Amino acid sequence: MDAGEQLAAEILDAIRSGRDLWVFDELIAGPEGLERARKVLIEKRDASDPDEAAFLTSIIRGLEKGRRW
């Protein structure tokens, strides 16, 4: 598991556990937390340099792959 997948797993765990978490400068809470986290990461990726964009893409893919509903 790479660092992006690990971070995605931590985000998924927090959301599934009902915990609030910060993704960059956005508070992620509530039943739409996964979709909100994904949107925040996409926005950040689109505004970042290529190295950071690759890392953020790996987190986004991990969230999408880890979604189980």
N, C-alpha and C. Protein backbone atom coordinates (compact mmCIF):
# COMPACT_ATOMS: atom_id res chain seq x y z
N MET A 1 0.85 -1.17 0.00
CA MET A 1 0.00 0.00 0.00
C MET A 1 0.90 1.24 0.00
N ASP A 2 0.67 2.12 -0.99
CA ASP A 2 1.49 3.34 -1.04
C ASP A 2 0.93 4.39 -0.09
N ALA A 3 1.63 5.50 0.02
CA ALA A 3 1.23 6.55 0.97
C ALA A 3 -0.15 7.12 0.66
N GLY A 4 -0.47 7.27 -0.62
CA GLY A 4 -1.78 7.78 -1.00
C GLY A 4 -2.90 6.84 -0.58
N GLU A 5 -2.68 5.53 -0.81
CA GLU A 5 -3.68 4.55 -0.41
C GLU A 5 -3.83 4.50 1.10
N GLN A 6 -2.73 4.65 1.83
CA GLN A 6 -2.77 4.65 3.29
C GLN A 6 -3.59 5.84 3.79
N LEU A 7 -3.34 7.01 3.23
CA LEU A 7 -4.09 8.19 3.63
C LEU A 7 -5.57 8.04 3.27
N ALA A 8 -5.86 7.47 2.11
CA ALA A 8 -7.26 7.22 1.72
C ALA A 8 -7.92 6.29 2.72
N ALA A 9 -7.22 5.26 3.14
CA ALA A 9 -7.77 4.32 4.13
C ALA A 9 -8.07 5.02 5.45
N GLU A 10 -7.19 5.92 5.86
CA GLU A 10 -7.42 6.68 7.10
C GLU A 10 -8.63 7.60 6.97
N ILE A 11 -8.77 8.24 5.81
CA ILE A 11 -9.93 9.11 5.59
C ILE A 11 -11.21 8.28 5.60
N LEU A 12 -11.21 7.15 4.89
CA LEU A 12 -12.38 6.27 4.87
C LEU A 12 -12.74 5.79 6.27
N ASP A 13 -11.74 5.41 7.04
CA ASP A 13 -11.98 4.93 8.41
C ASP A 13 -12.64 6.02 9.26
N ALA A 14 -12.13 7.23 9.15
CA ALA A 14 -12.70 8.34 9.93
C ALA A 14 -14.14 8.60 9.52
N ILE A 15 -14.41 8.61 8.22
CA ILE A 15 -15.76 8.87 7.74
C ILE A 15 -16.71 7.76 8.17
N ARG A 16 -16.29 6.53 8.02
CA ARG A 16 -17.15 5.40 8.41
C ARG A 16 -17.39 5.35 9.90
N SER A 17 -16.44 5.83 10.68
CA SER A 17 -16.57 5.84 12.13
C SER A 17 -17.39 7.03 12.63
N GLY A 18 -17.76 7.92 11.73
CA GLY A 18 -18.55 9.09 12.11
C GLY A 18 -17.73 10.22 12.68
N ARG A 19 -16.41 10.12 12.58
CA ARG A 19 -15.55 11.19 13.09
C ARG A 19 -15.44 12.31 12.07
N ASP A 20 -15.34 13.52 12.57
CA ASP A 20 -15.07 14.66 11.70
C ASP A 20 -13.57 14.70 11.45
N LEU A 21 -13.18 15.19 10.28
CA LEU A 21 -11.76 15.32 9.99
C LEU A 21 -11.53 16.51 9.09
N TRP A 22 -10.30 16.98 9.10
CA TRP A 22 -9.91 18.09 8.24
C TRP A 22 -9.16 17.54 7.05
N VAL A 23 -9.57 17.94 5.87
CA VAL A 23 -8.83 17.64 4.64
C VAL A 23 -8.42 19.00 4.09
N PHE A 24 -7.14 19.27 4.19
CA PHE A 24 -6.58 20.58 3.91
C PHE A 24 -7.30 21.59 4.80
N ASP A 25 -7.98 22.55 4.29
CA ASP A 25 -8.61 23.55 5.16
C ASP A 25 -10.13 23.38 5.23
N GLU A 26 -10.62 22.20 4.90
CA GLU A 26 -12.05 21.94 4.90
C GLU A 26 -12.42 20.89 5.95
N LEU A 27 -13.44 21.18 6.75
CA LEU A 27 -13.94 20.21 7.72
C LEU A 27 -14.85 19.24 6.99
N ILE A 28 -14.58 17.97 7.12
CA ILE A 28 -15.38 16.91 6.50
C ILE A 28 -16.19 16.25 7.60
N ALA A 29 -17.51 16.33 7.47
CA ALA A 29 -18.39 15.78 8.49
C ALA A 29 -19.71 15.37 7.85
N GLY A 30 -20.40 14.50 8.52
CA GLY A 30 -21.75 14.14 8.09
C GLY A 30 -21.81 13.02 7.07
N PRO A 31 -23.02 12.71 6.65
CA PRO A 31 -23.25 11.55 5.79
C PRO A 31 -22.65 11.68 4.39
N GLU A 32 -22.39 12.88 3.94
CA GLU A 32 -21.80 13.08 2.62
C GLU A 32 -20.29 13.31 2.70
N GLY A 33 -19.68 12.85 3.78
CA GLY A 33 -18.27 13.10 4.02
C GLY A 33 -17.35 12.58 2.94
N LEU A 34 -17.62 11.39 2.45
CA LEU A 34 -16.74 10.81 1.43
C LEU A 34 -16.76 11.64 0.16
N GLU A 35 -17.93 12.01 -0.29
CA GLU A 35 -18.03 12.82 -1.51
C GLU A 35 -17.40 14.19 -1.30
N ARG A 36 -17.59 14.77 -0.12
CA ARG A 36 -17.00 16.08 0.17
C ARG A 36 -15.47 15.99 0.20
N ALA A 37 -14.94 14.95 0.83
CA ALA A 37 -13.49 14.76 0.87
C ALA A 37 -12.94 14.61 -0.55
N ARG A 38 -13.63 13.85 -1.36
CA ARG A 38 -13.20 13.63 -2.74
C ARG A 38 -13.18 14.97 -3.50
N LYS A 39 -14.21 15.78 -3.35
CA LYS A 39 -14.27 17.07 -4.04
C LYS A 39 -13.15 18.00 -3.58
N VAL A 40 -12.89 18.03 -2.29
CA VAL A 40 -11.82 18.88 -1.76
C VAL A 40 -10.48 18.44 -2.34
N LEU A 41 -10.24 17.14 -2.38
CA LEU A 41 -8.98 16.63 -2.92
C LEU A 41 -8.85 16.93 -4.41
N ILE A 42 -9.94 16.82 -5.16
CA ILE A 42 -9.90 17.13 -6.59
C ILE A 42 -9.59 18.62 -6.80
N GLU A 43 -10.23 19.48 -6.03
CA GLU A 43 -9.97 20.92 -6.14
C GLU A 43 -8.51 21.23 -5.84
N LYS A 44 -7.98 20.63 -4.78
CA LYS A 44 -6.59 20.85 -4.40
C LYS A 44 -5.65 20.31 -5.47
N ARG A 45 -5.96 19.12 -6.01
CA ARG A 45 -5.13 18.52 -7.06
C ARG A 45 -5.07 19.42 -8.29
N ASP A 46 -6.21 19.96 -8.68
CA ASP A 46 -6.28 20.79 -9.88
C ASP A 46 -5.47 22.08 -9.74
N ALA A 47 -5.21 22.50 -8.52
CA ALA A 47 -4.46 23.74 -8.27
C ALA A 47 -3.03 23.48 -7.82
N SER A 48 -2.55 22.26 -7.93
CA SER A 48 -1.23 21.93 -7.39
C SER A 48 -0.21 21.65 -8.48
N ASP A 49 1.04 21.51 -8.06
CA ASP A 49 2.11 21.18 -8.99
C ASP A 49 2.02 19.70 -9.36
N PRO A 50 2.72 19.26 -10.41
CA PRO A 50 2.60 17.88 -10.89
C PRO A 50 2.92 16.79 -9.85
N ASP A 51 3.93 17.02 -9.01
CA ASP A 51 4.27 16.01 -8.00
C ASP A 51 3.16 15.86 -6.98
N GLU A 52 2.66 16.98 -6.49
CA GLU A 52 1.58 16.92 -5.52
C GLU A 52 0.31 16.39 -6.17
N ALA A 53 0.07 16.74 -7.43
CA ALA A 53 -1.11 16.26 -8.14
C ALA A 53 -1.11 14.73 -8.23
N ALA A 54 0.05 14.14 -8.49
CA ALA A 54 0.14 12.69 -8.57
C ALA A 54 -0.19 12.04 -7.23
N PHE A 55 0.30 12.63 -6.15
CA PHE A 55 0.01 12.10 -4.81
C PHE A 55 -1.49 12.22 -4.50
N LEU A 56 -2.06 13.39 -4.79
CA LEU A 56 -3.48 13.60 -4.52
C LEU A 56 -4.35 12.67 -5.37
N THR A 57 -3.93 12.41 -6.60
CA THR A 57 -4.66 11.47 -7.45
C THR A 57 -4.66 10.08 -6.84
N SER A 58 -3.54 9.68 -6.24
CA SER A 58 -3.50 8.36 -5.60
C SER A 58 -4.44 8.29 -4.40
N ILE A 59 -4.60 9.39 -3.68
CA ILE A 59 -5.55 9.41 -2.56
C ILE A 59 -6.97 9.33 -3.09
N ILE A 60 -7.27 10.10 -4.12
CA ILE A 60 -8.61 10.08 -4.72
C ILE A 60 -8.96 8.69 -5.22
N ARG A 61 -8.03 8.06 -5.91
CA ARG A 61 -8.28 6.70 -6.41
C ARG A 61 -8.49 5.72 -5.26
N GLY A 62 -7.73 5.89 -4.18
CA GLY A 62 -7.91 5.04 -3.01
C GLY A 62 -9.29 5.21 -2.39
N LEU A 63 -9.77 6.44 -2.35
CA LEU A 63 -11.13 6.68 -1.83
C LEU A 63 -12.17 6.02 -2.73
N GLU A 64 -12.00 6.17 -4.03
CA GLU A 64 -12.96 5.59 -4.96
C GLU A 64 -12.93 4.07 -4.92
N LYS A 65 -11.75 3.50 -4.77
CA LYS A 65 -11.60 2.05 -4.70
C LYS A 65 -12.12 1.49 -3.38
N GLY A 66 -11.95 2.26 -2.31
CA GLY A 66 -12.36 1.80 -0.99
C GLY A 66 -13.83 1.99 -0.67
N ARG A 67 -14.52 2.69 -1.53
CA ARG A 67 -15.95 2.95 -1.31
C ARG A 67 -16.70 1.64 -1.47
N ARG A 68 -17.53 1.31 -0.50
CA ARG A 68 -18.23 0.02 -0.53
C ARG A 68 -19.72 0.19 -0.34
N TRP A 69 -20.35 0.90 -1.22
CA TRP A 69 -21.80 0.98 -1.17
C TRP A 69 -22.36 1.16 -2.55
